[in-house]
Amino acid sequence: MRTLGGSGVEVSALGFGAAAIGNLYTEVDEEQARAAVAAAWEQGIRYFDTAPHYGLGLSERRLGAALRGLPRSAYTISTKVGRLLEPADPGGSDLAHGFAVPATHRRVWDFSADGVRRGLEASLERLGLDRVDVVYLHDPDDHAEQAFREGYPALEELRAEGVVGAIGAGMNQSEMLTRFVRDTDVDVVLCAGRYTLLDQRARTELLPAAAERGVSVVIGGAFNSGLLADPRPGATYNYASAPPELVDRAQRMKAVADRHGLTLRGAALRFCADHPAVASVLVGTRSADEVRDCAEQFATAVPAAFWQELRDTGLLPPEGPSRGATP
C-alpha cells in the first residue's frame, strides 16, 4: 500500500477503474460487474475509483453494491465532482457520451462550492456510503477559473472537516494538473493517458513537480484506451482510431516484449507504476478474467534489458523507469 501525499490515505499499487462497469461503450450486466469487483478484491486490489459521469451514476451504484459487506476500513474509494446529474426527459441512450445506458439524466458542469458539496452528497447516496476517501475535481479543463476559485477551496474545507481524507484533480492532460500541484495543497492528481509507453507528456513537468511537492500521482489510461493492450490496425488510441504511425510504434514495442518473454500489457502497466511519483495505476476492467489478467501482468517483473532495448531503438526516451522492476 502507498500513501497519497501527506493525507494518510493508502492505495494499492494496482487500482480498479470502474468506468467499464458503468457500461463504457458496451453493456455489462449486473453479475459480470459484481464478478469483476469480486475478482479485484481476490487479487488484492484495495483501491477503487468511480465517478458520476460513468454511466450516469451506474458505476457508483454498482461499485457501492459490490463492495457492500466488505470491511470499510480495508479499502479506499475515490469519486469525482464537477458534473451534477439532473433528471432529463426519458428517451434515447447516452452513447454520445460514451456510455451504453438510457439517457435518464443530463450532466451539468458545476465546480462551485455548492456544486461540489451537492455532487459529493449525491455520490454518497448512489454508493450507499457515509464517506469516501478521495475526491477529485473531474475534468475542469474548460472551467479552470471556477475550479480553482470555488471548487478547490470547497474540497479543502471538506478535508478539514474530515468528510474526505484526500483531495485532488483528475484530467486527461498534464498541464493543468501541474498547476494544481504547484499552486494548491492537493494530496493527489489523477493523470489519464499522459504517462504511458506511447505518451510521456507528464514526464516533463507534472511528475517532477509532484515529486518535489510530495504530491502523489495516480495514472489512468495505461493502455491509451486500447492500443497498448492489443496493438493492431483499427485499435483505439485515446478514444479514437489509432493513427498508423502509432500502431507501428506499438507493434514494434510488442516485438521487443515478445523477445523478452513479456506481454506489452504487462510492460505498459509496469512502466506507469515504476515512476517514483506514482502511487497507483488504475485499470479499467469489465470482467473477472480481465481483472485477473491485469493483476498477473502487473505482478510480472520486467527486466532492465527490456527497457534498455526500448531506449536503444528510440522507442523510449533515454530516461526510463526508476522505481524498480516489481510492485
C-alpha atoms as a PDB file:
ATOM      1  CA  MET A   1       0.000   0.000   0.000  1.00  0.00           C
ATOM      2  CA  ARG A   2       1.167   3.540  -0.751  1.00  0.00           C
ATOM      3  CA  THR A   3       0.128   6.782   0.937  1.00  0.00           C
ATOM      4  CA  LEU A   4      -1.368   9.670  -1.050  1.00  0.00           C
ATOM      5  CA  GLY A   5       0.768  12.703  -0.292  1.00  0.00           C
ATOM      6  CA  GLY A   6       0.643  13.544   3.383  1.00  0.00           C
ATOM      7  CA  SER A   7      -3.002  12.537   3.753  1.00  0.00           C
ATOM      8  CA  GLY A   8      -2.601   9.192   5.428  1.00  0.00           C
ATOM      9  CA  VAL A   9      -4.959   7.662   2.821  1.00  0.00           C
ATOM     10  CA  GLU A  10      -3.467   4.484   1.388  1.00  0.00           C
ATOM     11  CA  VAL A  11      -3.988   2.910  -2.025  1.00  0.00           C
ATOM     12  CA  SER A  12      -2.918  -0.362  -3.566  1.00  0.00           C
ATOM     13  CA  ALA A  13      -0.312  -0.101  -6.322  1.00  0.00           C
ATOM     14  CA  LEU A  14      -2.882  -1.502  -8.760  1.00  0.00           C
ATOM     15  CA  GLY A  15      -6.330   0.081  -8.671  1.00  0.00           C
ATOM     16  CA  PHE A  16      -9.737  -0.770 -10.139  1.00  0.00           C
ATOM     17  CA  GLY A  17     -11.117   1.834 -12.538  1.00  0.00           C
ATOM     18  CA  ALA A  18     -14.904   1.469 -12.523  1.00  0.00           C
ATOM     19  CA  ALA A  19     -15.842   3.287 -15.749  1.00  0.00           C
ATOM     20  CA  ALA A  20     -16.178  -0.023 -17.602  1.00  0.00           C
ATOM     21  CA  ILE A  21     -18.788  -1.395 -15.191  1.00  0.00           C
ATOM     22  CA  GLY A  22     -20.729   1.793 -15.877  1.00  0.00           C
ATOM     23  CA  ASN A  23     -21.286   0.407 -19.397  1.00  0.00           C
ATOM     24  CA  LEU A  24     -18.444   2.260 -21.093  1.00  0.00           C
ATOM     25  CA  TYR A  25     -19.159   1.797 -24.820  1.00  0.00           C
ATOM     26  CA  THR A  26     -20.910  -1.567 -24.327  1.00  0.00           C
ATOM     27  CA  GLU A  27     -23.261  -3.063 -21.773  1.00  0.00           C
ATOM     28  CA  VAL A  28     -22.001  -5.041 -18.799  1.00  0.00           C
ATOM     29  CA  ASP A  29     -24.633  -6.984 -16.898  1.00  0.00           C
ATOM     30  CA  GLU A  30     -25.042  -6.844 -13.140  1.00  0.00           C
ATOM     31  CA  GLU A  31     -23.484 -10.238 -12.466  1.00  0.00           C
ATOM     32  CA  GLN A  32     -20.461  -9.507 -14.664  1.00  0.00           C
ATOM     33  CA  ALA A  33     -19.886  -6.182 -12.912  1.00  0.00           C
ATOM     34  CA  ARG A  34     -20.185  -7.796  -9.489  1.00  0.00           C
ATOM     35  CA  ALA A  35     -17.775 -10.573 -10.511  1.00  0.00           C
ATOM     36  CA  ALA A  36     -15.202  -8.051 -11.769  1.00  0.00           C
ATOM     37  CA  VAL A  37     -15.154  -6.234  -8.417  1.00  0.00           C
ATOM     38  CA  ALA A  38     -15.002  -9.542  -6.539  1.00  0.00           C
ATOM     39  CA  ALA A  39     -12.047 -10.658  -8.653  1.00  0.00           C
ATOM     40  CA  ALA A  40     -10.282  -7.379  -7.932  1.00  0.00           C
ATOM     41  CA  TRP A  41     -10.706  -7.986  -4.214  1.00  0.00           C
ATOM     42  CA  GLU A  42      -9.404 -11.548  -4.562  1.00  0.00           C
ATOM     43  CA  GLN A  43      -6.328 -10.223  -6.381  1.00  0.00           C
ATOM     44  CA  GLY A  44      -5.508  -7.861  -3.525  1.00  0.00           C
ATOM     45  CA  ILE A  45      -6.738  -4.676  -5.182  1.00  0.00           C
ATOM     46  CA  ARG A  46      -7.872  -2.282  -2.474  1.00  0.00           C
ATOM     47  CA  TYR A  47      -8.267   0.982  -4.385  1.00  0.00           C
ATOM     48  CA  PHE A  48     -11.477   1.570  -6.356  1.00  0.00           C
ATOM     49  CA  ASP A  49     -12.181   4.688  -8.451  1.00  0.00           C
ATOM     50  CA  THR A  50     -15.506   5.827  -9.868  1.00  0.00           C
ATOM     51  CA  ALA A  51     -17.407   8.986 -10.896  1.00  0.00           C
ATOM     52  CA  PRO A  52     -20.972  10.217 -11.519  1.00  0.00           C
ATOM     53  CA  HIS A  53     -20.037  10.671 -15.190  1.00  0.00           C
ATOM     54  CA  TYR A  54     -19.540   6.916 -15.636  1.00  0.00           C
ATOM     55  CA  GLY A  55     -22.866   5.618 -16.861  1.00  0.00           C
ATOM     56  CA  LEU A  56     -24.872   8.483 -15.348  1.00  0.00           C
ATOM     57  CA  GLY A  57     -24.278   7.115 -11.860  1.00  0.00           C
ATOM     58  CA  LEU A  58     -24.453   3.418 -12.786  1.00  0.00           C
ATOM     59  CA  SER A  59     -20.779   2.860 -11.981  1.00  0.00           C
ATOM     60  CA  GLU A  60     -21.177   4.332  -8.498  1.00  0.00           C
ATOM     61  CA  ARG A  61     -24.299   2.281  -7.773  1.00  0.00           C
ATOM     62  CA  ARG A  62     -22.708  -0.957  -8.965  1.00  0.00           C
ATOM     63  CA  LEU A  63     -19.415  -0.367  -7.194  1.00  0.00           C
ATOM     64  CA  GLY A  64     -21.109   0.507  -3.912  1.00  0.00           C
ATOM     65  CA  ALA A  65     -23.303  -2.598  -4.112  1.00  0.00           C
ATOM     66  CA  ALA A  66     -20.358  -4.871  -4.932  1.00  0.00           C
ATOM     67  CA  LEU A  67     -18.276  -3.563  -2.012  1.00  0.00           C
ATOM     68  CA  ARG A  68     -21.130  -3.703   0.469  1.00  0.00           C
ATOM     69  CA  GLY A  69     -20.420  -6.184   3.218  1.00  0.00           C
ATOM     70  CA  LEU A  70     -16.654  -5.872   2.905  1.00  0.00           C
ATOM     71  CA  PRO A  71     -14.761  -4.197   5.766  1.00  0.00           C
ATOM     72  CA  ARG A  72     -14.981  -0.453   5.070  1.00  0.00           C
ATOM     73  CA  SER A  73     -11.572   0.192   6.609  1.00  0.00           C
ATOM     74  CA  ALA A  74      -9.964  -2.342   4.279  1.00  0.00           C
ATOM     75  CA  TYR A  75     -10.424  -0.464   1.004  1.00  0.00           C
ATOM     76  CA  THR A  76     -10.032   3.034  -0.420  1.00  0.00           C
ATOM     77  CA  ILE A  77     -12.634   4.537  -2.733  1.00  0.00           C
ATOM     78  CA  SER A  78     -12.480   7.719  -4.790  1.00  0.00           C
ATOM     79  CA  THR A  79     -15.131   9.556  -6.728  1.00  0.00           C
ATOM     80  CA  LYS A  80     -15.290  12.867  -8.546  1.00  0.00           C
ATOM     81  CA  VAL A  81     -17.145  16.177  -8.570  1.00  0.00           C
ATOM     82  CA  GLY A  82     -17.824  18.791 -11.229  1.00  0.00           C
ATOM     83  CA  ARG A  83     -20.697  17.161 -13.109  1.00  0.00           C
ATOM     84  CA  LEU A  84     -24.107  17.182 -11.449  1.00  0.00           C
ATOM     85  CA  LEU A  85     -26.693  14.711 -12.723  1.00  0.00           C
ATOM     86  CA  GLU A  86     -30.103  16.254 -13.306  1.00  0.00           C
ATOM     87  CA  PRO A  87     -33.204  14.308 -14.421  1.00  0.00           C
ATOM     88  CA  ALA A  88     -33.964  14.538 -18.126  1.00  0.00           C
ATOM     89  CA  ASP A  89     -36.888  13.539 -20.286  1.00  0.00           C
ATOM     90  CA  PRO A  90     -36.507   9.781 -20.853  1.00  0.00           C
ATOM     91  CA  GLY A  91     -35.630   8.536 -24.271  1.00  0.00           C
ATOM     92  CA  GLY A  92     -32.537   7.664 -26.236  1.00  0.00           C
ATOM     93  CA  SER A  93     -29.186   6.484 -24.952  1.00  0.00           C
ATOM     94  CA  ASP A  94     -26.092   8.089 -23.504  1.00  0.00           C
ATOM     95  CA  LEU A  95     -23.747   6.645 -26.130  1.00  0.00           C
ATOM     96  CA  ALA A  96     -22.942  10.135 -27.376  1.00  0.00           C
ATOM     97  CA  HIS A  97     -21.090  10.500 -24.080  1.00  0.00           C
ATOM     98  CA  GLY A  98     -19.593   7.021 -24.328  1.00  0.00           C
ATOM     99  CA  PHE A  99     -21.927   5.003 -22.097  1.00  0.00           C
ATOM    100  CA  ALA A 100     -24.476   2.370 -23.124  1.00  0.00           C
ATOM    101  CA  VAL A 101     -27.173   3.446 -20.667  1.00  0.00           C
ATOM    102  CA  PRO A 102     -30.546   5.152 -21.054  1.00  0.00           C
ATOM    103  CA  ALA A 103     -30.255   8.948 -21.093  1.00  0.00           C
ATOM    104  CA  THR A 104     -32.316   9.400 -17.936  1.00  0.00           C
ATOM    105  CA  HIS A 105     -30.204  12.316 -16.712  1.00  0.00           C
ATOM    106  CA  ARG A 106     -28.133  15.116 -18.133  1.00  0.00           C
ATOM    107  CA  ARG A 107     -24.729  16.254 -16.932  1.00  0.00           C
ATOM    108  CA  VAL A 108     -24.440  19.840 -15.715  1.00  0.00           C
ATOM    109  CA  TRP A 109     -20.967  21.296 -15.213  1.00  0.00           C
ATOM    110  CA  ASP A 110     -20.672  22.840 -11.761  1.00  0.00           C
ATOM    111  CA  PHE A 111     -17.412  23.485  -9.935  1.00  0.00           C
ATOM    112  CA  SER A 112     -18.955  25.915  -7.467  1.00  0.00           C
ATOM    113  CA  ALA A 113     -18.630  25.246  -3.741  1.00  0.00           C
ATOM    114  CA  ASP A 114     -22.304  24.341  -3.582  1.00  0.00           C
ATOM    115  CA  GLY A 115     -21.985  22.142  -6.645  1.00  0.00           C
ATOM    116  CA  VAL A 116     -19.045  20.277  -5.120  1.00  0.00           C
ATOM    117  CA  ARG A 117     -20.940  19.559  -1.912  1.00  0.00           C
ATOM    118  CA  ARG A 118     -24.148  18.596  -3.707  1.00  0.00           C
ATOM    119  CA  GLY A 119     -22.242  16.377  -6.094  1.00  0.00           C
ATOM    120  CA  LEU A 120     -20.468  14.557  -3.285  1.00  0.00           C
ATOM    121  CA  GLU A 121     -23.709  14.104  -1.343  1.00  0.00           C
ATOM    122  CA  ALA A 122     -25.382  12.562  -4.388  1.00  0.00           C
ATOM    123  CA  SER A 123     -22.402  10.273  -4.961  1.00  0.00           C
ATOM    124  CA  LEU A 124     -22.524   9.037  -1.374  1.00  0.00           C
ATOM    125  CA  GLU A 125     -26.198   8.223  -1.817  1.00  0.00           C
ATOM    126  CA  ARG A 126     -25.551   6.246  -5.003  1.00  0.00           C
ATOM    127  CA  LEU A 127     -22.596   4.436  -3.401  1.00  0.00           C
ATOM    128  CA  GLY A 128     -24.540   3.710  -0.231  1.00  0.00           C
ATOM    129  CA  LEU A 129     -21.665   5.037   1.877  1.00  0.00           C
ATOM    130  CA  ASP A 130     -21.309   7.689   4.544  1.00  0.00           C
ATOM    131  CA  ARG A 131     -17.864   8.737   3.327  1.00  0.00           C
ATOM    132  CA  VAL A 132     -15.357   8.386   0.510  1.00  0.00           C
ATOM    133  CA  ASP A 133     -11.616   8.545   0.939  1.00  0.00           C
ATOM    134  CA  VAL A 134     -10.600  10.652  -2.067  1.00  0.00           C
ATOM    135  CA  VAL A 135     -12.457  13.274  -4.118  1.00  0.00           C
ATOM    136  CA  TYR A 136     -11.171  14.622  -7.422  1.00  0.00           C
ATOM    137  CA  LEU A 137     -12.278  17.668  -9.406  1.00  0.00           C
ATOM    138  CA  HIS A 138     -13.222  15.904 -12.644  1.00  0.00           C
ATOM    139  CA  ASP A 139     -12.096  17.337 -15.997  1.00  0.00           C
ATOM    140  CA  PRO A 140     -12.106  21.058 -15.145  1.00  0.00           C
ATOM    141  CA  ASP A 141     -10.362  21.818 -18.480  1.00  0.00           C
ATOM    142  CA  ASP A 142     -12.869  24.462 -19.606  1.00  0.00           C
ATOM    143  CA  HIS A 143     -13.773  25.588 -16.093  1.00  0.00           C
ATOM    144  CA  ALA A 144     -10.381  26.459 -14.638  1.00  0.00           C
ATOM    145  CA  GLU A 145     -11.369  29.763 -13.058  1.00  0.00           C
ATOM    146  CA  GLN A 146     -14.312  28.333 -11.131  1.00  0.00           C
ATOM    147  CA  ALA A 147     -12.453  25.144 -10.257  1.00  0.00           C
ATOM    148  CA  PHE A 148      -9.512  26.999  -8.690  1.00  0.00           C
ATOM    149  CA  ARG A 149     -11.562  29.816  -7.165  1.00  0.00           C
ATOM    150  CA  GLU A 150     -14.521  27.832  -5.789  1.00  0.00           C
ATOM    151  CA  GLY A 151     -14.247  24.085  -6.312  1.00  0.00           C
ATOM    152  CA  TYR A 152     -10.801  23.550  -4.882  1.00  0.00           C
ATOM    153  CA  PRO A 153     -11.406  25.612  -1.693  1.00  0.00           C
ATOM    154  CA  ALA A 154     -14.583  23.578  -1.144  1.00  0.00           C
ATOM    155  CA  LEU A 155     -12.525  20.395  -1.264  1.00  0.00           C
ATOM    156  CA  GLU A 156     -10.083  21.894   1.231  1.00  0.00           C
ATOM    157  CA  GLU A 157     -12.994  22.567   3.582  1.00  0.00           C
ATOM    158  CA  LEU A 158     -14.301  19.025   3.203  1.00  0.00           C
ATOM    159  CA  ARG A 159     -10.855  17.666   4.007  1.00  0.00           C
ATOM    160  CA  ALA A 160     -10.515  19.950   7.036  1.00  0.00           C
ATOM    161  CA  GLU A 161     -13.937  18.809   8.255  1.00  0.00           C
ATOM    162  CA  GLY A 162     -12.848  15.175   7.955  1.00  0.00           C
ATOM    163  CA  VAL A 163     -15.531  14.424   5.371  1.00  0.00           C
ATOM    164  CA  VAL A 164     -12.852  13.170   2.953  1.00  0.00           C
ATOM    165  CA  GLY A 165      -9.284  12.092   3.564  1.00  0.00           C
ATOM    166  CA  ALA A 166      -7.545  13.266   0.401  1.00  0.00           C
ATOM    167  CA  ILE A 167      -8.349  15.723  -2.395  1.00  0.00           C
ATOM    168  CA  GLY A 168      -7.117  16.313  -5.905  1.00  0.00           C
ATOM    169  CA  ALA A 169      -7.989  16.677  -9.585  1.00  0.00           C
ATOM    170  CA  GLY A 170      -8.351  14.138 -12.380  1.00  0.00           C
ATOM    171  CA  MET A 171      -7.838  15.003 -16.036  1.00  0.00           C
ATOM    172  CA  ASN A 172      -6.752  13.756 -19.459  1.00  0.00           C
ATOM    173  CA  GLN A 173      -3.987  16.357 -19.597  1.00  0.00           C
ATOM    174  CA  SER A 174      -0.900  17.156 -17.554  1.00  0.00           C
ATOM    175  CA  GLU A 175      -0.584  20.940 -17.860  1.00  0.00           C
ATOM    176  CA  MET A 176      -3.450  21.968 -15.563  1.00  0.00           C
ATOM    177  CA  LEU A 177      -2.639  19.131 -13.197  1.00  0.00           C
ATOM    178  CA  THR A 178       0.838  20.618 -12.857  1.00  0.00           C
ATOM    179  CA  ARG A 179      -0.799  23.905 -11.872  1.00  0.00           C
ATOM    180  CA  PHE A 180      -2.829  22.103  -9.205  1.00  0.00           C
ATOM    181  CA  VAL A 181       0.357  20.515  -7.878  1.00  0.00           C
ATOM    182  CA  ARG A 182       2.265  23.797  -7.775  1.00  0.00           C
ATOM    183  CA  ASP A 183      -0.435  26.261  -6.737  1.00  0.00           C
ATOM    184  CA  THR A 184      -2.638  24.290  -4.327  1.00  0.00           C
ATOM    185  CA  ASP A 185      -2.356  21.836  -1.469  1.00  0.00           C
ATOM    186  CA  VAL A 186      -3.762  18.782  -3.243  1.00  0.00           C
ATOM    187  CA  ASP A 187      -2.733  15.351  -1.994  1.00  0.00           C
ATOM    188  CA  VAL A 188      -3.003  13.581  -5.343  1.00  0.00           C
ATOM    189  CA  VAL A 189      -3.692  14.092  -9.033  1.00  0.00           C
ATOM    190  CA  LEU A 190      -5.121  11.523 -11.431  1.00  0.00           C
ATOM    191  CA  CYS A 191      -3.492  11.767 -14.849  1.00  0.00           C
ATOM    192  CA  ALA A 192      -5.113   9.687 -17.605  1.00  0.00           C
ATOM    193  CA  GLY A 193      -3.284   8.711 -20.770  1.00  0.00           C
ATOM    194  CA  ARG A 194      -0.400  11.166 -20.466  1.00  0.00           C
ATOM    195  CA  TYR A 195       2.207   8.901 -18.909  1.00  0.00           C
ATOM    196  CA  THR A 196       2.312   5.737 -20.977  1.00  0.00           C
ATOM    197  CA  LEU A 197       4.684   3.882 -23.242  1.00  0.00           C
ATOM    198  CA  LEU A 198       3.344   5.998 -26.115  1.00  0.00           C
ATOM    199  CA  ASP A 199       2.752   9.376 -24.461  1.00  0.00           C
ATOM    200  CA  GLN A 200       5.085  10.784 -21.828  1.00  0.00           C
ATOM    201  CA  ARG A 201       3.919  14.382 -21.685  1.00  0.00           C
ATOM    202  CA  ALA A 202       3.522  14.141 -17.902  1.00  0.00           C
ATOM    203  CA  ARG A 203       7.205  13.260 -17.548  1.00  0.00           C
ATOM    204  CA  THR A 204       8.456  16.767 -18.342  1.00  0.00           C
ATOM    205  CA  GLU A 205       6.723  18.872 -15.685  1.00  0.00           C
ATOM    206  CA  LEU A 206       3.947  17.076 -13.817  1.00  0.00           C
ATOM    207  CA  LEU A 207       5.853  14.135 -12.392  1.00  0.00           C
ATOM    208  CA  PRO A 208       8.925  16.153 -11.310  1.00  0.00           C
ATOM    209  CA  ALA A 209       6.673  18.806  -9.733  1.00  0.00           C
ATOM    210  CA  ALA A 210       4.701  16.140  -7.886  1.00  0.00           C
ATOM    211  CA  ALA A 211       7.872  14.516  -6.593  1.00  0.00           C
ATOM    212  CA  GLU A 212       9.216  17.881  -5.442  1.00  0.00           C
ATOM    213  CA  ARG A 213       5.994  18.863  -3.667  1.00  0.00           C
ATOM    214  CA  GLY A 214       5.256  15.447  -2.155  1.00  0.00           C
ATOM    215  CA  VAL A 215       2.039  15.066  -4.162  1.00  0.00           C
ATOM    216  CA  SER A 216       1.083  11.575  -5.310  1.00  0.00           C
ATOM    217  CA  VAL A 217       0.129  10.743  -8.882  1.00  0.00           C
ATOM    218  CA  VAL A 218      -2.408   8.118  -9.891  1.00  0.00           C
ATOM    219  CA  ILE A 219      -2.120   7.018 -13.501  1.00  0.00           C
ATOM    220  CA  GLY A 220      -5.128   6.057 -15.600  1.00  0.00           C
ATOM    221  CA  GLY A 221      -5.276   5.047 -19.254  1.00  0.00           C
ATOM    222  CA  ALA A 222      -2.098   2.960 -19.162  1.00  0.00           C
ATOM    223  CA  PHE A 223      -3.147   1.271 -22.408  1.00  0.00           C
ATOM    224  CA  ASN A 224      -4.111   4.585 -24.077  1.00  0.00           C
ATOM    225  CA  SER A 225      -7.684   3.226 -24.297  1.00  0.00           C
ATOM    226  CA  GLY A 226      -6.702   0.051 -26.141  1.00  0.00           C
ATOM    227  CA  LEU A 227      -3.704   0.287 -28.453  1.00  0.00           C
ATOM    228  CA  LEU A 228      -1.155  -0.879 -25.867  1.00  0.00           C
ATOM    229  CA  ALA A 229      -3.380  -3.779 -24.833  1.00  0.00           C
ATOM    230  CA  ASP A 230      -3.805  -5.051 -28.389  1.00  0.00           C
ATOM    231  CA  PRO A 231      -1.617  -3.240 -30.953  1.00  0.00           C
ATOM    232  CA  ARG A 232      -3.293  -3.793 -34.313  1.00  0.00           C
ATOM    233  CA  PRO A 233      -4.810  -1.728 -37.107  1.00  0.00           C
ATOM    234  CA  GLY A 234      -8.212  -0.488 -36.009  1.00  0.00           C
ATOM    235  CA  ALA A 235      -7.284  -0.335 -32.328  1.00  0.00           C
ATOM    236  CA  THR A 236      -8.279   2.736 -30.349  1.00  0.00           C
ATOM    237  CA  TYR A 237      -5.855   5.337 -29.075  1.00  0.00           C
ATOM    238  CA  ASN A 238      -7.173   7.889 -26.586  1.00  0.00           C
ATOM    239  CA  TYR A 239     -10.766   7.007 -27.531  1.00  0.00           C
ATOM    240  CA  ALA A 240     -10.278   7.433 -31.291  1.00  0.00           C
ATOM    241  CA  SER A 241      -8.941   5.262 -34.092  1.00  0.00           C
ATOM    242  CA  ALA A 242      -5.180   4.882 -33.685  1.00  0.00           C
ATOM    243  CA  PRO A 243      -3.091   6.552 -36.414  1.00  0.00           C
ATOM    244  CA  PRO A 244      -0.917   4.161 -38.452  1.00  0.00           C
ATOM    245  CA  GLU A 245       2.373   5.543 -37.112  1.00  0.00           C
ATOM    246  CA  LEU A 246       1.339   4.837 -33.527  1.00  0.00           C
ATOM    247  CA  VAL A 247       0.095   1.358 -34.443  1.00  0.00           C
ATOM    248  CA  ASP A 248       3.518   0.695 -35.965  1.00  0.00           C
ATOM    249  CA  ARG A 249       5.286   2.008 -32.854  1.00  0.00           C
ATOM    250  CA  ALA A 250       3.173  -0.135 -30.540  1.00  0.00           C
ATOM    251  CA  GLN A 251       3.731  -3.207 -32.693  1.00  0.00           C
ATOM    252  CA  ARG A 252       7.490  -2.632 -32.569  1.00  0.00           C
ATOM    253  CA  MET A 253       7.268  -2.406 -28.779  1.00  0.00           C
ATOM    254  CA  LYS A 254       5.298  -5.644 -28.707  1.00  0.00           C
ATOM    255  CA  ALA A 255       8.005  -7.354 -30.760  1.00  0.00           C
ATOM    256  CA  VAL A 256      10.603  -6.294 -28.180  1.00  0.00           C
ATOM    257  CA  ALA A 257       8.358  -7.547 -25.383  1.00  0.00           C
ATOM    258  CA  ASP A 258       7.944 -10.876 -27.183  1.00  0.00           C
ATOM    259  CA  ARG A 259      11.724 -11.271 -27.400  1.00  0.00           C
ATOM    260  CA  HIS A 260      11.995 -10.779 -23.650  1.00  0.00           C
ATOM    261  CA  GLY A 261       9.172 -13.180 -22.850  1.00  0.00           C
ATOM    262  CA  LEU A 262       6.822 -10.395 -21.772  1.00  0.00           C
ATOM    263  CA  THR A 263       3.453  -9.061 -22.791  1.00  0.00           C
ATOM    264  CA  LEU A 264       3.103  -5.474 -23.919  1.00  0.00           C
ATOM    265  CA  ARG A 265       0.201  -5.171 -21.455  1.00  0.00           C
ATOM    266  CA  GLY A 266       2.481  -6.017 -18.564  1.00  0.00           C
ATOM    267  CA  ALA A 267       5.220  -3.676 -19.754  1.00  0.00           C
ATOM    268  CA  ALA A 268       2.695  -0.852 -20.159  1.00  0.00           C
ATOM    269  CA  LEU A 269       1.451  -1.276 -16.588  1.00  0.00           C
ATOM    270  CA  ARG A 270       4.923  -1.596 -15.099  1.00  0.00           C
ATOM    271  CA  PHE A 271       6.136   1.492 -16.982  1.00  0.00           C
ATOM    272  CA  CYS A 272       3.482   3.599 -15.295  1.00  0.00           C
ATOM    273  CA  ALA A 273       3.977   2.092 -11.850  1.00  0.00           C
ATOM    274  CA  ASP A 274       7.748   2.324 -11.807  1.00  0.00           C
ATOM    275  CA  HIS A 275       7.985   6.105 -11.641  1.00  0.00           C
ATOM    276  CA  PRO A 276       8.657   7.057  -8.005  1.00  0.00           C
ATOM    277  CA  ALA A 277       5.965   9.779  -8.016  1.00  0.00           C
ATOM    278  CA  VAL A 278       3.253   7.276  -8.982  1.00  0.00           C
ATOM    279  CA  ALA A 279       1.213   5.805  -6.134  1.00  0.00           C
ATOM    280  CA  SER A 280      -1.224   3.653  -8.115  1.00  0.00           C
ATOM    281  CA  VAL A 281      -2.157   2.604 -11.641  1.00  0.00           C
ATOM    282  CA  LEU A 282      -5.869   2.293 -12.421  1.00  0.00           C
ATOM    283  CA  VAL A 283      -7.015  -0.367 -14.861  1.00  0.00           C
ATOM    284  CA  GLY A 284     -10.479  -0.225 -16.367  1.00  0.00           C
ATOM    285  CA  THR A 285     -11.756  -3.785 -16.476  1.00  0.00           C
ATOM    286  CA  ARG A 286     -15.214  -5.131 -17.271  1.00  0.00           C
ATOM    287  CA  SER A 287     -14.881  -8.810 -16.332  1.00  0.00           C
ATOM    288  CA  ALA A 288     -13.271 -11.059 -13.747  1.00  0.00           C
ATOM    289  CA  ASP A 289     -10.965 -12.517 -16.414  1.00  0.00           C
ATOM    290  CA  GLU A 290      -9.711  -9.058 -17.402  1.00  0.00           C
ATOM    291  CA  VAL A 291      -9.046  -8.229 -13.754  1.00  0.00           C
ATOM    292  CA  ARG A 292      -7.054 -11.428 -13.209  1.00  0.00           C
ATOM    293  CA  ASP A 293      -5.046 -10.866 -16.381  1.00  0.00           C
ATOM    294  CA  CYS A 294      -4.137  -7.297 -15.394  1.00  0.00           C
ATOM    295  CA  ALA A 295      -3.140  -8.384 -11.889  1.00  0.00           C
ATOM    296  CA  GLU A 296      -0.967 -11.160 -13.295  1.00  0.00           C
ATOM    297  CA  GLN A 297       0.700  -8.857 -15.814  1.00  0.00           C
ATOM    298  CA  PHE A 298       1.221  -6.141 -13.211  1.00  0.00           C
ATOM    299  CA  ALA A 299       2.988  -8.580 -10.892  1.00  0.00           C
ATOM    300  CA  THR A 300       5.409  -9.739 -13.607  1.00  0.00           C
ATOM    301  CA  ALA A 301       8.913  -8.332 -13.232  1.00  0.00           C
ATOM    302  CA  VAL A 302      10.242  -6.507 -16.288  1.00  0.00           C
ATOM    303  CA  PRO A 303      13.999  -6.932 -16.795  1.00  0.00           C
ATOM    304  CA  ALA A 304      16.250  -3.920 -17.214  1.00  0.00           C
ATOM    305  CA  ALA A 305      17.343  -5.308 -20.596  1.00  0.00           C
ATOM    306  CA  PHE A 306      13.839  -4.745 -21.968  1.00  0.00           C
ATOM    307  CA  TRP A 307      13.814  -1.053 -21.033  1.00  0.00           C
ATOM    308  CA  GLN A 308      17.344  -0.688 -22.383  1.00  0.00           C
ATOM    309  CA  GLU A 309      16.364  -2.152 -25.752  1.00  0.00           C
ATOM    310  CA  LEU A 310      13.429   0.246 -25.998  1.00  0.00           C
ATOM    311  CA  ARG A 311      15.771   3.137 -25.281  1.00  0.00           C
ATOM    312  CA  ASP A 312      18.452   1.882 -27.679  1.00  0.00           C
ATOM    313  CA  THR A 313      15.916   1.605 -30.512  1.00  0.00           C
ATOM    314  CA  GLY A 314      14.404   5.026 -29.824  1.00  0.00           C
ATOM    315  CA  LEU A 315      11.071   3.605 -28.703  1.00  0.00           C
ATOM    316  CA  LEU A 316      11.518   5.241 -25.295  1.00  0.00           C
ATOM    317  CA  PRO A 317      13.398   8.383 -24.279  1.00  0.00           C
ATOM    318  CA  PRO A 318      16.813   7.921 -22.613  1.00  0.00           C
ATOM    319  CA  GLU A 319      15.370   8.085 -19.096  1.00  0.00           C
ATOM    320  CA  GLY A 320      13.354   5.048 -18.109  1.00  0.00           C
ATOM    321  CA  PRO A 321      11.524   3.643 -15.111  1.00  0.00           C
ATOM    322  CA  SER A 322      13.395   4.179 -11.865  1.00  0.00           C
ATOM    323  CA  ARG A 323      11.450   2.642  -9.002  1.00  0.00           C
ATOM    324  CA  GLY A 324      12.291  -0.966  -9.799  1.00  0.00           C
ATOM    325  CA  ALA A 325      11.001  -3.988 -11.639  1.00  0.00           C
ATOM    326  CA  THR A 326       8.421  -5.262  -9.160  1.00  0.00           C
ATOM    327  CA  PRO A 327       5.389  -3.739  -7.420  1.00  0.00           C
END
